[in-house]
Amino acid sequence: MKWVIVLTIIASFCAFELAMAQADGFRCSYDDGQVVERGYPNRPMTADEKHQFVEFQKQWEQLKPQFRLYMKGEAAEMPTIPAVPCFCCEPCLGNAIGNTFV
């Protein structure tokens, strides 16, 4: 059972890392304070979007040590993976897939 959870977590981390890489096949990305979406003109993030993105980054950094403790068996519960915010015109495909960050 724990291996299933571990593999799920690893897959989530891989998905996040994939989301962090810029790739031509993705339809929406965040690049240096800009929202870049295929089929739409680039636009700057609003102040609220920038704030949400900073909060997401903080949550992601807080997750790392909690996850290490969980993997060592020193935490009873798996930490909650923060949702990647979506600032795109079109709906995002999921927590990480469909958005990229640079």
PDB file of N, CA and C in Angstrom:
ATOM      1  N   MET A   1       0.817  -1.192   0.000  1.00  0.00           N
ATOM      2  CA  MET A   1       0.000   0.000   0.000  1.00  0.00           C
ATOM      3  C   MET A   1       0.865   1.261   0.000  1.00  0.00           C
ATOM      4  N   LYS A   2       1.908   1.263   0.835  1.00  0.00           N
ATOM      5  CA  LYS A   2       2.761   2.439   0.902  1.00  0.00           C
ATOM      6  C   LYS A   2       3.457   2.678  -0.443  1.00  0.00           C
ATOM      7  N   TRP A   3       3.820   1.599  -1.154  1.00  0.00           N
ATOM      8  CA  TRP A   3       4.473   1.763  -2.459  1.00  0.00           C
ATOM      9  C   TRP A   3       3.532   2.398  -3.466  1.00  0.00           C
ATOM     10  N   VAL A   4       2.255   2.086  -3.389  1.00  0.00           N
ATOM     11  CA  VAL A   4       1.286   2.718  -4.289  1.00  0.00           C
ATOM     12  C   VAL A   4       1.253   4.217  -4.024  1.00  0.00           C
ATOM     13  N   ILE A   5       1.254   4.579  -2.768  1.00  0.00           N
ATOM     14  CA  ILE A   5       1.253   5.995  -2.403  1.00  0.00           C
ATOM     15  C   ILE A   5       2.553   6.645  -2.849  1.00  0.00           C
ATOM     16  N   VAL A   6       3.669   5.972  -2.621  1.00  0.00           N
ATOM     17  CA  VAL A   6       4.970   6.499  -3.027  1.00  0.00           C
ATOM     18  C   VAL A   6       4.999   6.716  -4.530  1.00  0.00           C
ATOM     19  N   LEU A   7       4.531   5.742  -5.291  1.00  0.00           N
ATOM     20  CA  LEU A   7       4.526   5.878  -6.747  1.00  0.00           C
ATOM     21  C   LEU A   7       3.602   7.008  -7.193  1.00  0.00           C
ATOM     22  N   THR A   8       2.496   7.181  -6.490  1.00  0.00           N
ATOM     23  CA  THR A   8       1.588   8.282  -6.802  1.00  0.00           C
ATOM     24  C   THR A   8       2.266   9.621  -6.556  1.00  0.00           C
ATOM     25  N   ILE A   9       2.972   9.722  -5.436  1.00  0.00           N
ATOM     26  CA  ILE A   9       3.688  10.960  -5.112  1.00  0.00           C
ATOM     27  C   ILE A   9       4.775  11.221  -6.139  1.00  0.00           C
ATOM     28  N   ILE A  10       5.526  10.194  -6.484  1.00  0.00           N
ATOM     29  CA  ILE A  10       6.591  10.365  -7.474  1.00  0.00           C
ATOM     30  C   ILE A  10       5.998  10.822  -8.800  1.00  0.00           C
ATOM     31  N   ALA A  11       4.883  10.225  -9.191  1.00  0.00           N
ATOM     32  CA  ALA A  11       4.220  10.641 -10.431  1.00  0.00           C
ATOM     33  C   ALA A  11       3.787  12.100 -10.349  1.00  0.00           C
ATOM     34  N   SER A  12       3.305  12.514  -9.179  1.00  0.00           N
ATOM     35  CA  SER A  12       2.890  13.913  -9.010  1.00  0.00           C
ATOM     36  C   SER A  12       4.083  14.843  -9.127  1.00  0.00           C
ATOM     37  N   PHE A  13       5.213  14.460  -8.525  1.00  0.00           N
ATOM     38  CA  PHE A  13       6.415  15.272  -8.642  1.00  0.00           C
ATOM     39  C   PHE A  13       6.881  15.331 -10.086  1.00  0.00           C
ATOM     40  N   CYS A  14       6.818  14.202 -10.783  1.00  0.00           N
ATOM     41  CA  CYS A  14       7.209  14.178 -12.194  1.00  0.00           C
ATOM     42  C   CYS A  14       6.298  15.084 -13.010  1.00  0.00           C
ATOM     43  N   ALA A  15       5.007  15.041 -12.718  1.00  0.00           N
ATOM     44  CA  ALA A  15       4.058  15.901 -13.422  1.00  0.00           C
ATOM     45  C   ALA A  15       4.383  17.363 -13.165  1.00  0.00           C
ATOM     46  N   PHE A  16       4.740  17.676 -11.917  1.00  0.00           N
ATOM     47  CA  PHE A  16       5.082  19.062 -11.606  1.00  0.00           C
ATOM     48  C   PHE A  16       6.347  19.471 -12.345  1.00  0.00           C
ATOM     49  N   GLU A  17       7.356  18.595 -12.329  1.00  0.00           N
ATOM     50  CA  GLU A  17       8.593  18.908 -13.028  1.00  0.00           C
ATOM     51  C   GLU A  17       8.330  19.067 -14.519  1.00  0.00           C
ATOM     52  N   LEU A  18       7.472  18.232 -15.063  1.00  0.00           N
ATOM     53  CA  LEU A  18       7.094  18.362 -16.460  1.00  0.00           C
ATOM     54  C   LEU A  18       6.410  19.697 -16.692  1.00  0.00           C
ATOM     55  N   ALA A  19       5.559  20.079 -15.761  1.00  0.00           N
ATOM     56  CA  ALA A  19       4.866  21.354 -15.876  1.00  0.00           C
ATOM     57  C   ALA A  19       5.820  22.528 -15.777  1.00  0.00           C
ATOM     58  N   MET A  20       6.935  22.343 -15.107  1.00  0.00           N
ATOM     59  CA  MET A  20       7.905  23.412 -14.947  1.00  0.00           C
ATOM     60  C   MET A  20       8.764  23.602 -16.193  1.00  0.00           C
ATOM     61  N   ALA A  21       8.791  22.642 -17.085  1.00  0.00           N
ATOM     62  CA  ALA A  21       9.626  22.728 -18.280  1.00  0.00           C
ATOM     63  C   ALA A  21       8.857  23.379 -19.420  1.00  0.00           C
ATOM     64  N   GLN A  22       9.511  24.274 -20.126  1.00  0.00           N
ATOM     65  CA  GLN A  22       8.868  24.901 -21.283  1.00  0.00           C
ATOM     66  C   GLN A  22       8.908  23.924 -22.445  1.00  0.00           C
ATOM     67  N   ALA A  23       7.788  23.693 -23.081  1.00  0.00           N
ATOM     68  CA  ALA A  23       7.719  22.781 -24.213  1.00  0.00           C
ATOM     69  C   ALA A  23       6.736  23.337 -25.228  1.00  0.00           C
ATOM     70  N   ASP A  24       7.041  23.216 -26.482  1.00  0.00           N
ATOM     71  CA  ASP A  24       6.205  23.772 -27.540  1.00  0.00           C
ATOM     72  C   ASP A  24       4.809  23.169 -27.555  1.00  0.00           C
ATOM     73  N   GLY A  25       4.654  21.926 -27.126  1.00  0.00           N
ATOM     74  CA  GLY A  25       3.365  21.264 -27.188  1.00  0.00           C
ATOM     75  C   GLY A  25       2.363  21.760 -26.158  1.00  0.00           C
ATOM     76  N   PHE A  26       2.789  22.507 -25.162  1.00  0.00           N
ATOM     77  CA  PHE A  26       1.869  22.993 -24.139  1.00  0.00           C
ATOM     78  C   PHE A  26       1.130  24.223 -24.635  1.00  0.00           C
ATOM     79  N   ARG A  27      -0.096  24.349 -24.218  1.00  0.00           N
ATOM     80  CA  ARG A  27      -0.919  25.443 -24.713  1.00  0.00           C
ATOM     81  C   ARG A  27      -0.885  26.677 -23.829  1.00  0.00           C
ATOM     82  N   CYS A  28      -0.400  26.561 -22.599  1.00  0.00           N
ATOM     83  CA  CYS A  28      -0.400  27.697 -21.684  1.00  0.00           C
ATOM     84  C   CYS A  28       0.835  27.628 -20.802  1.00  0.00           C
ATOM     85  N   SER A  29       1.507  28.767 -20.656  1.00  0.00           N
ATOM     86  CA  SER A  29       2.680  28.794 -19.782  1.00  0.00           C
ATOM     87  C   SER A  29       2.779  30.160 -19.112  1.00  0.00           C
ATOM     88  N   TYR A  30       3.562  30.200 -18.060  1.00  0.00           N
ATOM     89  CA  TYR A  30       3.832  31.443 -17.357  1.00  0.00           C
ATOM     90  C   TYR A  30       5.324  31.699 -17.512  1.00  0.00           C
ATOM     91  N   ASP A  31       5.656  32.834 -18.105  1.00  0.00           N
ATOM     92  CA  ASP A  31       7.053  33.126 -18.432  1.00  0.00           C
ATOM     93  C   ASP A  31       7.388  34.545 -18.001  1.00  0.00           C
ATOM     94  N   ASP A  32       8.155  34.658 -16.934  1.00  0.00           N
ATOM     95  CA  ASP A  32       8.640  35.954 -16.460  1.00  0.00           C
ATOM     96  C   ASP A  32       7.505  36.962 -16.276  1.00  0.00           C
ATOM     97  N   GLY A  33       6.460  36.519 -15.559  1.00  0.00           N
ATOM     98  CA  GLY A  33       5.341  37.408 -15.268  1.00  0.00           C
ATOM     99  C   GLY A  33       4.349  37.567 -16.411  1.00  0.00           C
ATOM    100  N   GLN A  34       4.510  36.775 -17.458  1.00  0.00           N
ATOM    101  CA  GLN A  34       3.609  36.809 -18.607  1.00  0.00           C
ATOM    102  C   GLN A  34       2.813  35.513 -18.685  1.00  0.00           C
ATOM    103  N   VAL A  35       1.563  35.620 -19.100  1.00  0.00           N
ATOM    104  CA  VAL A  35       0.762  34.440 -19.403  1.00  0.00           C
ATOM    105  C   VAL A  35       0.863  34.247 -20.917  1.00  0.00           C
ATOM    106  N   VAL A  36       1.405  33.094 -21.315  1.00  0.00           N
ATOM    107  CA  VAL A  36       1.627  32.792 -22.729  1.00  0.00           C
ATOM    108  C   VAL A  36       0.707  31.630 -23.074  1.00  0.00           C
ATOM    109  N   GLU A  37      -0.284  31.900 -23.923  1.00  0.00           N
ATOM    110  CA  GLU A  37      -1.259  30.873 -24.255  1.00  0.00           C
ATOM    111  C   GLU A  37      -1.412  30.802 -25.770  1.00  0.00           C
ATOM    112  N   ARG A  38      -1.270  29.588 -26.283  1.00  0.00           N
ATOM    113  CA  ARG A  38      -1.389  29.382 -27.718  1.00  0.00           C
ATOM    114  C   ARG A  38      -2.774  29.848 -28.188  1.00  0.00           C
ATOM    115  N   GLY A  39      -2.783  30.662 -29.253  1.00  0.00           N
ATOM    116  CA  GLY A  39      -4.035  31.158 -29.801  1.00  0.00           C
ATOM    117  C   GLY A  39      -4.500  32.480 -29.199  1.00  0.00           C
ATOM    118  N   TYR A  40      -3.776  32.977 -28.203  1.00  0.00           N
ATOM    119  CA  TYR A  40      -4.125  34.237 -27.555  1.00  0.00           C
ATOM    120  C   TYR A  40      -2.871  35.106 -27.470  1.00  0.00           C
ATOM    121  N   PRO A  41      -3.031  36.436 -27.481  1.00  0.00           N
ATOM    122  CA  PRO A  41      -1.846  37.285 -27.306  1.00  0.00           C
ATOM    123  C   PRO A  41      -1.279  37.141 -25.890  1.00  0.00           C
ATOM    124  N   ASN A  42       0.040  37.213 -25.785  1.00  0.00           N
ATOM    125  CA  ASN A  42       0.675  37.203 -24.459  1.00  0.00           C
ATOM    126  C   ASN A  42       0.140  38.391 -23.668  1.00  0.00           C
ATOM    127  N   ARG A  43       0.050  38.191 -22.360  1.00  0.00           N
ATOM    128  CA  ARG A  43      -0.398  39.285 -21.504  1.00  0.00           C
ATOM    129  C   ARG A  43       0.341  39.224 -20.182  1.00  0.00           C
ATOM    130  N   PRO A  44       0.520  40.364 -19.540  1.00  0.00           N
ATOM    131  CA  PRO A  44       1.151  40.341 -18.219  1.00  0.00           C
ATOM    132  C   PRO A  44       0.192  39.759 -17.183  1.00  0.00           C
ATOM    133  N   MET A  45       0.757  39.085 -16.187  1.00  0.00           N
ATOM    134  CA  MET A  45      -0.063  38.616 -15.072  1.00  0.00           C
ATOM    135  C   MET A  45      -0.603  39.833 -14.322  1.00  0.00           C
ATOM    136  N   THR A  46      -1.819  39.701 -13.833  1.00  0.00           N
ATOM    137  CA  THR A  46      -2.374  40.758 -12.985  1.00  0.00           C
ATOM    138  C   THR A  46      -1.689  40.690 -11.620  1.00  0.00           C
ATOM    139  N   ALA A  47      -1.870  41.717 -10.822  1.00  0.00           N
ATOM    140  CA  ALA A  47      -1.291  41.723  -9.476  1.00  0.00           C
ATOM    141  C   ALA A  47      -1.814  40.536  -8.667  1.00  0.00           C
ATOM    142  N   ASP A  48      -3.111  40.231  -8.821  1.00  0.00           N
ATOM    143  CA  ASP A  48      -3.699  39.109  -8.099  1.00  0.00           C
ATOM    144  C   ASP A  48      -3.080  37.777  -8.567  1.00  0.00           C
ATOM    145  N   GLU A  49      -2.894  37.623  -9.871  1.00  0.00           N
ATOM    146  CA  GLU A  49      -2.282  36.397 -10.389  1.00  0.00           C
ATOM    147  C   GLU A  49      -0.854  36.240  -9.893  1.00  0.00           C
ATOM    148  N   LYS A  50      -0.104  37.330  -9.890  1.00  0.00           N
ATOM    149  CA  LYS A  50       1.272  37.271  -9.369  1.00  0.00           C
ATOM    150  C   LYS A  50       1.269  36.832  -7.905  1.00  0.00           C
ATOM    151  N   HIS A  51       0.328  37.394  -7.137  1.00  0.00           N
ATOM    152  CA  HIS A  51       0.222  37.023  -5.724  1.00  0.00           C
ATOM    153  C   HIS A  51      -0.101  35.535  -5.569  1.00  0.00           C
ATOM    154  N   GLN A  52      -1.081  35.051  -6.360  1.00  0.00           N
ATOM    155  CA  GLN A  52      -1.446  33.636  -6.304  1.00  0.00           C
ATOM    156  C   GLN A  52      -0.258  32.747  -6.675  1.00  0.00           C
ATOM    157  N   PHE A  53       0.507  33.165  -7.679  1.00  0.00           N
ATOM    158  CA  PHE A  53       1.646  32.366  -8.122  1.00  0.00           C
ATOM    159  C   PHE A  53       2.738  32.327  -7.056  1.00  0.00           C
ATOM    160  N   VAL A  54       2.998  33.452  -6.409  1.00  0.00           N
ATOM    161  CA  VAL A  54       3.979  33.499  -5.314  1.00  0.00           C
ATOM    162  C   VAL A  54       3.526  32.590  -4.179  1.00  0.00           C
ATOM    163  N   GLU A  55       2.239  32.640  -3.837  1.00  0.00           N
ATOM    164  CA  GLU A  55       1.712  31.768  -2.780  1.00  0.00           C
ATOM    165  C   GLU A  55       1.864  30.292  -3.150  1.00  0.00           C
ATOM    166  N   PHE A  56       1.591  29.961  -4.413  1.00  0.00           N
ATOM    167  CA  PHE A  56       1.774  28.583  -4.875  1.00  0.00           C
ATOM    168  C   PHE A  56       3.229  28.157  -4.714  1.00  0.00           C
ATOM    169  N   GLN A  57       4.156  29.006  -5.120  1.00  0.00           N
ATOM    170  CA  GLN A  57       5.586  28.672  -4.995  1.00  0.00           C
ATOM    171  C   GLN A  57       5.972  28.459  -3.524  1.00  0.00           C
ATOM    172  N   LYS A  58       5.450  29.278  -2.628  1.00  0.00           N
ATOM    173  CA  LYS A  58       5.721  29.107  -1.198  1.00  0.00           C
ATOM    174  C   LYS A  58       5.178  27.763  -0.702  1.00  0.00           C
ATOM    175  N   GLN A  59       3.939  27.442  -1.113  1.00  0.00           N
ATOM    176  CA  GLN A  59       3.346  26.169  -0.708  1.00  0.00           C
ATOM    177  C   GLN A  59       4.166  24.998  -1.233  1.00  0.00           C
ATOM    178  N   TRP A  60       4.658  25.103  -2.453  1.00  0.00           N
ATOM    179  CA  TRP A  60       5.459  24.032  -3.040  1.00  0.00           C
ATOM    180  C   TRP A  60       6.761  23.846  -2.256  1.00  0.00           C
ATOM    181  N   GLU A  61       7.402  24.943  -1.883  1.00  0.00           N
ATOM    182  CA  GLU A  61       8.641  24.856  -1.106  1.00  0.00           C
ATOM    183  C   GLU A  61       8.383  24.263   0.278  1.00  0.00           C
ATOM    184  N   GLN A  62       7.236  24.577   0.876  1.00  0.00           N
ATOM    185  CA  GLN A  62       6.891  24.015   2.183  1.00  0.00           C
ATOM    186  C   GLN A  62       6.591  22.521   2.087  1.00  0.00           C
ATOM    187  N   LEU A  63       6.144  22.081   0.939  1.00  0.00           N
ATOM    188  CA  LEU A  63       5.819  20.671   0.742  1.00  0.00           C
ATOM    189  C   LEU A  63       7.059  19.786   0.779  1.00  0.00           C
ATOM    190  N   LYS A  64       8.157  20.273   0.247  1.00  0.00           N
ATOM    191  CA  LYS A  64       9.363  19.445   0.103  1.00  0.00           C
ATOM    192  C   LYS A  64       9.839  18.824   1.417  1.00  0.00           C
ATOM    193  N   PRO A  65      10.056  19.596   2.492  1.00  0.00           N
ATOM    194  CA  PRO A  65      10.502  18.958   3.734  1.00  0.00           C
ATOM    195  C   PRO A  65       9.448  18.044   4.352  1.00  0.00           C
ATOM    196  N   GLN A  66       8.161  18.408   4.199  1.00  0.00           N
ATOM    197  CA  GLN A  66       7.091  17.557   4.718  1.00  0.00           C
ATOM    198  C   GLN A  66       7.078  16.220   3.982  1.00  0.00           C
ATOM    199  N   PHE A  67       7.311  16.271   2.692  1.00  0.00           N
ATOM    200  CA  PHE A  67       7.323  15.052   1.893  1.00  0.00           C
ATOM    201  C   PHE A  67       8.512  14.163   2.289  1.00  0.00           C
ATOM    202  N   ARG A  68       9.669  14.783   2.524  1.00  0.00           N
ATOM    203  CA  ARG A  68      10.851  14.004   2.959  1.00  0.00           C
ATOM    204  C   ARG A  68      10.557  13.292   4.280  1.00  0.00           C
ATOM    205  N   LEU A  69       9.921  13.979   5.217  1.00  0.00           N
ATOM    206  CA  LEU A  69       9.567  13.353   6.492  1.00  0.00           C
ATOM    207  C   LEU A  69       8.600  12.197   6.281  1.00  0.00           C
ATOM    208  N   TYR A  70       7.654  12.387   5.403  1.00  0.00           N
ATOM    209  CA  TYR A  70       6.696  11.320   5.106  1.00  0.00           C
ATOM    210  C   TYR A  70       7.409  10.108   4.514  1.00  0.00           C
ATOM    211  N   MET A  71       8.325  10.346   3.605  1.00  0.00           N
ATOM    212  CA  MET A  71       9.053   9.246   2.967  1.00  0.00           C
ATOM    213  C   MET A  71       9.934   8.489   3.965  1.00  0.00           C
ATOM    214  N   LYS A  72      10.422   9.191   4.973  1.00  0.00           N
ATOM    215  CA  LYS A  72      11.231   8.548   6.012  1.00  0.00           C
ATOM    216  C   LYS A  72      10.365   7.833   7.037  1.00  0.00           C
ATOM    217  N   GLY A  73       9.065   8.006   6.953  1.00  0.00           N
ATOM    218  CA  GLY A  73       8.160   7.397   7.914  1.00  0.00           C
ATOM    219  C   GLY A  73       8.025   8.201   9.189  1.00  0.00           C
ATOM    220  N   GLU A  74       8.469   9.456   9.164  1.00  0.00           N
ATOM    221  CA  GLU A  74       8.427  10.309  10.343  1.00  0.00           C
ATOM    222  C   GLU A  74       7.175  11.202  10.376  1.00  0.00           C
ATOM    223  N   ALA A  75       6.324  11.067   9.371  1.00  0.00           N
ATOM    224  CA  ALA A  75       5.061  11.810   9.342  1.00  0.00           C
ATOM    225  C   ALA A  75       3.949  10.811   9.040  1.00  0.00           C
ATOM    226  N   ALA A  76       2.852  10.936   9.761  1.00  0.00           N
ATOM    227  CA  ALA A  76       1.757   9.970   9.628  1.00  0.00           C
ATOM    228  C   ALA A  76       0.982  10.135   8.322  1.00  0.00           C
ATOM    229  N   GLU A  77       0.855  11.355   7.860  1.00  0.00           N
ATOM    230  CA  GLU A  77       0.045  11.616   6.673  1.00  0.00           C
ATOM    231  C   GLU A  77       0.888  12.175   5.544  1.00  0.00           C
ATOM    232  N   MET A  78       0.483  11.813   4.337  1.00  0.00           N
ATOM    233  CA  MET A  78       1.115  12.381   3.166  1.00  0.00           C
ATOM    234  C   MET A  78       0.697  13.844   3.072  1.00  0.00           C
ATOM    235  N   PRO A  79       1.645  14.766   2.812  1.00  0.00           N
ATOM    236  CA  PRO A  79       1.265  16.175   2.707  1.00  0.00           C
ATOM    237  C   PRO A  79       0.404  16.427   1.469  1.00  0.00           C
ATOM    238  N   THR A  80      -0.405  17.454   1.552  1.00  0.00           N
ATOM    239  CA  THR A  80      -1.269  17.831   0.441  1.00  0.00           C
ATOM    240  C   THR A  80      -0.445  18.563  -0.616  1.00  0.00           C
ATOM    241  N   ILE A  81      -0.587  18.136  -1.848  1.00  0.00           N
ATOM    242  CA  ILE A  81       0.119  18.779  -2.949  1.00  0.00           C
ATOM    243  C   ILE A  81      -0.694  19.999  -3.371  1.00  0.00           C
ATOM    244  N   PRO A  82      -0.058  21.174  -3.401  1.00  0.00           N
ATOM    245  CA  PRO A  82      -0.819  22.381  -3.749  1.00  0.00           C
ATOM    246  C   PRO A  82      -1.261  22.371  -5.209  1.00  0.00           C
ATOM    247  N   ALA A  83      -2.415  22.943  -5.470  1.00  0.00           N
ATOM    248  CA  ALA A  83      -2.930  23.044  -6.837  1.00  0.00           C
ATOM    249  C   ALA A  83      -2.213  24.165  -7.580  1.00  0.00           C
ATOM    250  N   VAL A  84      -1.825  23.877  -8.813  1.00  0.00           N
ATOM    251  CA  VAL A  84      -1.200  24.886  -9.658  1.00  0.00           C
ATOM    252  C   VAL A  84      -2.285  25.860 -10.112  1.00  0.00           C
ATOM    253  N   PRO A  85      -2.089  27.159  -9.897  1.00  0.00           N
ATOM    254  CA  PRO A  85      -3.119  28.104 -10.324  1.00  0.00           C
ATOM    255  C   PRO A  85      -3.218  28.177 -11.846  1.00  0.00           C
ATOM    256  N   CYS A  86      -4.412  28.451 -12.349  1.00  0.00           N
ATOM    257  CA  CYS A  86      -4.648  28.542 -13.792  1.00  0.00           C
ATOM    258  C   CYS A  86      -5.073  29.966 -14.132  1.00  0.00           C
ATOM    259  N   PHE A  87      -4.276  30.626 -14.961  1.00  0.00           N
ATOM    260  CA  PHE A  87      -4.571  31.996 -15.377  1.00  0.00           C
ATOM    261  C   PHE A  87      -4.874  32.069 -16.875  1.00  0.00           C
ATOM    262  N   CYS A  88      -5.181  30.939 -17.473  1.00  0.00           N
ATOM    263  CA  CYS A  88      -5.375  30.846 -18.915  1.00  0.00           C
ATOM    264  C   CYS A  88      -6.803  31.194 -19.305  1.00  0.00           C
ATOM    265  N   CYS A  89      -6.987  31.587 -20.554  1.00  0.00           N
ATOM    266  CA  CYS A  89      -8.336  31.861 -21.076  1.00  0.00           C
ATOM    267  C   CYS A  89      -9.144  30.572 -21.161  1.00  0.00           C
ATOM    268  N   GLU A  90      -8.492  29.504 -21.613  1.00  0.00           N
ATOM    269  CA  GLU A  90      -9.137  28.200 -21.717  1.00  0.00           C
ATOM    270  C   GLU A  90      -8.964  27.468 -20.386  1.00  0.00           C
ATOM    271  N   PRO A  91      -9.887  26.597 -20.008  1.00  0.00           N
ATOM    272  CA  PRO A  91      -9.730  25.841 -18.757  1.00  0.00           C
ATOM    273  C   PRO A  91      -8.455  25.009 -18.761  1.00  0.00           C
ATOM    274  N   CYS A  92      -7.825  24.932 -17.630  1.00  0.00           N
ATOM    275  CA  CYS A  92      -6.619  24.121 -17.490  1.00  0.00           C
ATOM    276  C   CYS A  92      -7.013  22.643 -17.408  1.00  0.00           C
ATOM    277  N   LEU A  93      -6.085  21.781 -17.806  1.00  0.00           N
ATOM    278  CA  LEU A  93      -6.379  20.355 -17.880  1.00  0.00           C
ATOM    279  C   LEU A  93      -6.275  19.636 -16.556  1.00  0.00           C
ATOM    280  N   GLY A  94      -5.625  20.215 -15.584  1.00  0.00           N
ATOM    281  CA  GLY A  94      -5.471  19.524 -14.314  1.00  0.00           C
ATOM    282  C   GLY A  94      -4.565  20.299 -13.393  1.00  0.00           C
ATOM    283  N   ASN A  95      -4.139  19.665 -12.336  1.00  0.00           N
ATOM    284  CA  ASN A  95      -3.334  20.324 -11.323  1.00  0.00           C
ATOM    285  C   ASN A  95      -2.038  20.874 -11.919  1.00  0.00           C
ATOM    286  N   ALA A  96      -1.345  20.083 -12.698  1.00  0.00           N
ATOM    287  CA  ALA A  96      -0.092  20.549 -13.273  1.00  0.00           C
ATOM    288  C   ALA A  96      -0.074  20.421 -14.786  1.00  0.00           C
ATOM    289  N   ILE A  97      -0.664  19.394 -15.321  1.00  0.00           N
ATOM    290  CA  ILE A  97      -0.603  19.170 -16.745  1.00  0.00           C
ATOM    291  C   ILE A  97      -1.419  20.235 -17.469  1.00  0.00           C
ATOM    292  N   GLY A  98      -0.839  20.812 -18.493  1.00  0.00           N
ATOM    293  CA  GLY A  98      -1.510  21.849 -19.254  1.00  0.00           C
ATOM    294  C   GLY A  98      -0.954  23.222 -18.976  1.00  0.00           C
ATOM    295  N   ASN A  99      -0.289  23.412 -17.870  1.00  0.00           N
ATOM    296  CA  ASN A  99       0.366  24.671 -17.545  1.00  0.00           C
ATOM    297  C   ASN A  99       1.862  24.412 -17.465  1.00  0.00           C
ATOM    298  N   THR A 100       2.644  25.349 -17.946  1.00  0.00           N
ATOM    299  CA  THR A 100       4.086  25.256 -17.781  1.00  0.00           C
ATOM    300  C   THR A 100       4.582  26.542 -17.169  1.00  0.00           C
ATOM    301  N   PHE A 101       5.705  26.456 -16.504  1.00  0.00           N
ATOM    302  CA  PHE A 101       6.273  27.611 -15.832  1.00  0.00           C
ATOM    303  C   PHE A 101       7.734  27.730 -16.233  1.00  0.00           C
ATOM    304  N   VAL A 102       8.191  28.941 -16.424  1.00  0.00           N
ATOM    305  CA  VAL A 102       9.598  29.168 -16.747  1.00  0.00           C
ATOM    306  C   VAL A 102      10.146  30.178 -15.760  1.00  0.00           C
TER     307      VAL A 102
END
